Amino acid sequence: MKADSKYIWDYDVKSIDFDKPAQLRWYLARKINFGDWKGLDTSLIEKHLGKLDIDPALKKMLKDYYADKRAKNRS
């Protein structure tokens, strides 16, 4: 994933280390909270969703979405 600075004006995005889970989760949450989904890896969102600091209603919606998607893939 390539860092995008559109909604990250207060942090040097070039210094984000996506191999560090805390930094990756911070970046994902920041982009999601601002509604900037472009360039986000949905598998990473699903993997880290439980630990993302995002609006609880949005988190529930995403959990339901991924659960439904998994159920459809099993069918």
N, C-alpha and C. Protein backbone atom coordinates (compact mmCIF):
# COMPACT_ATOMS: atom_id res chain seq x y z
N MET A 1 0.85 -1.17 0.00
CA MET A 1 0.00 0.00 0.00
C MET A 1 0.90 1.23 0.00
N LYS A 2 0.49 2.21 -0.75
CA LYS A 2 1.25 3.46 -0.84
C LYS A 2 0.56 4.51 0.02
N ALA A 3 1.34 5.20 0.83
CA ALA A 3 0.79 6.23 1.71
C ALA A 3 0.31 7.42 0.89
N ASP A 4 -0.84 7.96 1.27
CA ASP A 4 -1.46 9.10 0.62
C ASP A 4 -1.63 10.20 1.65
N SER A 5 -1.24 11.40 1.32
CA SER A 5 -1.26 12.49 2.30
C SER A 5 -2.49 13.39 2.20
N LYS A 6 -3.50 12.99 1.44
CA LYS A 6 -4.66 13.85 1.23
C LYS A 6 -5.30 14.31 2.55
N TYR A 7 -5.52 13.41 3.47
CA TYR A 7 -6.14 13.77 4.75
C TYR A 7 -5.17 13.64 5.92
N ILE A 8 -3.90 13.57 5.61
CA ILE A 8 -2.90 13.46 6.67
C ILE A 8 -1.93 14.63 6.51
N TRP A 9 -2.36 15.75 6.99
CA TRP A 9 -1.59 16.99 6.85
C TRP A 9 -0.63 17.20 8.00
N ASP A 10 -0.82 16.50 9.09
CA ASP A 10 -0.06 16.74 10.31
C ASP A 10 1.00 15.66 10.57
N TYR A 11 1.28 14.85 9.57
CA TYR A 11 2.21 13.75 9.75
C TYR A 11 2.92 13.49 8.43
N ASP A 12 4.20 13.20 8.49
CA ASP A 12 4.97 12.91 7.29
C ASP A 12 4.65 11.48 6.84
N VAL A 13 3.83 11.35 5.81
CA VAL A 13 3.39 10.02 5.38
C VAL A 13 4.55 9.16 4.87
N LYS A 14 5.62 9.78 4.46
CA LYS A 14 6.77 9.00 3.98
C LYS A 14 7.43 8.22 5.11
N SER A 15 7.17 8.64 6.34
CA SER A 15 7.80 7.96 7.48
C SER A 15 6.92 6.85 8.06
N ILE A 16 5.73 6.64 7.51
CA ILE A 16 4.85 5.58 8.01
C ILE A 16 5.43 4.23 7.61
N ASP A 17 5.57 3.37 8.60
CA ASP A 17 6.09 2.02 8.38
C ASP A 17 4.91 1.05 8.46
N PHE A 18 4.41 0.63 7.30
CA PHE A 18 3.24 -0.25 7.25
C PHE A 18 3.54 -1.64 7.80
N ASP A 19 4.79 -1.95 8.06
CA ASP A 19 5.12 -3.23 8.68
C ASP A 19 4.88 -3.20 10.19
N LYS A 20 4.68 -2.01 10.74
CA LYS A 20 4.36 -1.86 12.16
C LYS A 20 2.84 -1.76 12.29
N PRO A 21 2.22 -2.77 12.92
CA PRO A 21 0.76 -2.82 12.99
C PRO A 21 0.10 -1.55 13.54
N ALA A 22 0.69 -0.95 14.56
CA ALA A 22 0.08 0.26 15.15
C ALA A 22 0.04 1.40 14.14
N GLN A 23 1.11 1.57 13.38
CA GLN A 23 1.14 2.64 12.38
C GLN A 23 0.18 2.34 11.24
N LEU A 24 0.11 1.09 10.83
CA LEU A 24 -0.82 0.70 9.78
C LEU A 24 -2.26 0.95 10.23
N ARG A 25 -2.60 0.54 11.44
CA ARG A 25 -3.96 0.74 11.94
C ARG A 25 -4.30 2.22 12.06
N TRP A 26 -3.34 3.03 12.50
CA TRP A 26 -3.57 4.47 12.59
C TRP A 26 -3.88 5.04 11.20
N TYR A 27 -3.10 4.64 10.21
CA TYR A 27 -3.30 5.12 8.85
C TYR A 27 -4.66 4.68 8.30
N LEU A 28 -5.00 3.42 8.47
CA LEU A 28 -6.29 2.92 8.00
C LEU A 28 -7.44 3.68 8.66
N ALA A 29 -7.37 3.84 9.96
CA ALA A 29 -8.43 4.54 10.69
C ALA A 29 -8.55 5.98 10.22
N ARG A 30 -7.44 6.62 10.02
CA ARG A 30 -7.46 8.02 9.59
C ARG A 30 -8.14 8.15 8.24
N LYS A 31 -7.77 7.29 7.30
CA LYS A 31 -8.36 7.34 5.96
C LYS A 31 -9.85 7.01 6.02
N ILE A 32 -10.22 5.98 6.77
CA ILE A 32 -11.62 5.57 6.87
C ILE A 32 -12.45 6.66 7.54
N ASN A 33 -11.95 7.24 8.63
CA ASN A 33 -12.69 8.28 9.33
C ASN A 33 -12.97 9.50 8.45
N PHE A 34 -12.08 9.78 7.51
CA PHE A 34 -12.28 10.91 6.61
C PHE A 34 -12.99 10.51 5.33
N GLY A 35 -13.38 9.23 5.23
CA GLY A 35 -14.12 8.78 4.06
C GLY A 35 -13.28 8.64 2.81
N ASP A 36 -11.98 8.50 2.98
CA ASP A 36 -11.08 8.37 1.83
C ASP A 36 -10.67 6.91 1.70
N TRP A 37 -11.44 6.15 0.93
CA TRP A 37 -11.22 4.71 0.78
C TRP A 37 -10.27 4.39 -0.36
N LYS A 38 -9.93 5.38 -1.16
CA LYS A 38 -9.09 5.15 -2.33
C LYS A 38 -7.72 4.60 -1.91
N GLY A 39 -7.34 3.52 -2.55
CA GLY A 39 -6.04 2.94 -2.32
C GLY A 39 -5.93 2.04 -1.10
N LEU A 40 -7.04 1.86 -0.38
CA LEU A 40 -6.99 1.00 0.81
C LEU A 40 -7.19 -0.46 0.41
N ASP A 41 -6.47 -1.32 1.06
CA ASP A 41 -6.55 -2.76 0.83
C ASP A 41 -7.65 -3.31 1.73
N THR A 42 -8.72 -3.80 1.14
CA THR A 42 -9.85 -4.28 1.94
C THR A 42 -9.49 -5.47 2.82
N SER A 43 -8.53 -6.27 2.39
CA SER A 43 -8.13 -7.40 3.24
C SER A 43 -7.44 -6.90 4.51
N LEU A 44 -6.71 -5.79 4.42
CA LEU A 44 -6.08 -5.22 5.61
C LEU A 44 -7.13 -4.61 6.53
N ILE A 45 -8.13 -3.98 5.94
CA ILE A 45 -9.20 -3.41 6.76
C ILE A 45 -9.89 -4.54 7.53
N GLU A 46 -10.23 -5.60 6.83
CA GLU A 46 -10.90 -6.73 7.48
C GLU A 46 -10.03 -7.33 8.58
N LYS A 47 -8.75 -7.49 8.30
CA LYS A 47 -7.83 -8.10 9.27
C LYS A 47 -7.69 -7.27 10.54
N HIS A 48 -7.64 -5.95 10.40
CA HIS A 48 -7.37 -5.06 11.54
C HIS A 48 -8.62 -4.38 12.09
N LEU A 49 -9.78 -4.70 11.54
CA LEU A 49 -11.01 -3.99 11.88
C LEU A 49 -11.28 -3.92 13.38
N GLY A 50 -11.08 -5.01 14.08
CA GLY A 50 -11.35 -5.03 15.51
C GLY A 50 -10.53 -4.04 16.31
N LYS A 51 -9.37 -3.66 15.81
CA LYS A 51 -8.49 -2.76 16.54
C LYS A 51 -8.45 -1.35 15.95
N LEU A 52 -9.26 -1.09 14.93
CA LEU A 52 -9.27 0.25 14.34
C LEU A 52 -10.08 1.21 15.20
N ASP A 53 -9.56 2.41 15.38
CA ASP A 53 -10.23 3.45 16.15
C ASP A 53 -11.11 4.26 15.20
N ILE A 54 -12.28 3.69 14.89
CA ILE A 54 -13.23 4.34 13.99
C ILE A 54 -14.59 4.39 14.66
N ASP A 55 -15.50 5.16 14.09
CA ASP A 55 -16.84 5.29 14.62
C ASP A 55 -17.46 3.90 14.84
N PRO A 56 -18.02 3.66 16.03
CA PRO A 56 -18.59 2.33 16.33
C PRO A 56 -19.66 1.87 15.34
N ALA A 57 -20.48 2.78 14.87
CA ALA A 57 -21.52 2.40 13.91
C ALA A 57 -20.90 1.97 12.59
N LEU A 58 -19.87 2.67 12.17
CA LEU A 58 -19.16 2.32 10.94
C LEU A 58 -18.45 0.98 11.11
N LYS A 59 -17.86 0.76 12.28
CA LYS A 59 -17.19 -0.51 12.54
C LYS A 59 -18.18 -1.67 12.47
N LYS A 60 -19.37 -1.49 13.06
CA LYS A 60 -20.38 -2.53 13.01
C LYS A 60 -20.82 -2.80 11.57
N MET A 61 -21.02 -1.73 10.82
CA MET A 61 -21.43 -1.89 9.43
C MET A 61 -20.37 -2.68 8.65
N LEU A 62 -19.10 -2.36 8.86
CA LEU A 62 -18.03 -3.07 8.16
C LEU A 62 -17.94 -4.52 8.61
N LYS A 63 -18.11 -4.78 9.91
CA LYS A 63 -18.09 -6.16 10.39
C LYS A 63 -19.21 -6.97 9.74
N ASP A 64 -20.40 -6.37 9.69
CA ASP A 64 -21.54 -7.04 9.05
C ASP A 64 -21.27 -7.28 7.57
N TYR A 65 -20.68 -6.29 6.91
CA TYR A 65 -20.37 -6.41 5.48
C TYR A 65 -19.41 -7.57 5.23
N TYR A 66 -18.33 -7.62 6.00
CA TYR A 66 -17.34 -8.68 5.81
C TYR A 66 -17.90 -10.05 6.18
N ALA A 67 -18.75 -10.12 7.21
CA ALA A 67 -19.38 -11.39 7.59
C ALA A 67 -20.29 -11.87 6.46
N ASP A 68 -21.06 -10.96 5.88
CA ASP A 68 -21.95 -11.31 4.78
C ASP A 68 -21.14 -11.75 3.56
N LYS A 69 -20.07 -11.07 3.30
CA LYS A 69 -19.20 -11.41 2.16
C LYS A 69 -18.60 -12.81 2.34
N ARG A 70 -18.14 -13.13 3.56
CA ARG A 70 -17.59 -14.46 3.83
C ARG A 70 -18.67 -15.52 3.66
N ALA A 71 -19.87 -15.24 4.14
CA ALA A 71 -20.98 -16.21 4.04
C ALA A 71 -21.33 -16.48 2.57
N LYS A 72 -21.34 -15.45 1.76
CA LYS A 72 -21.65 -15.63 0.34
C LYS A 72 -20.55 -16.41 -0.37
N ASN A 73 -19.31 -16.23 0.05
CA ASN A 73 -18.20 -16.96 -0.57
C ASN A 73 -18.24 -18.46 -0.23
N ARG A 74 -18.85 -18.80 0.91
CA ARG A 74 -18.97 -20.19 1.31
C ARG A 74 -20.07 -20.92 0.53
N SER A 75 -21.01 -20.16 0.02
CA SER A 75 -22.17 -20.76 -0.67
C SER A 75 -21.81 -21.26 -2.05
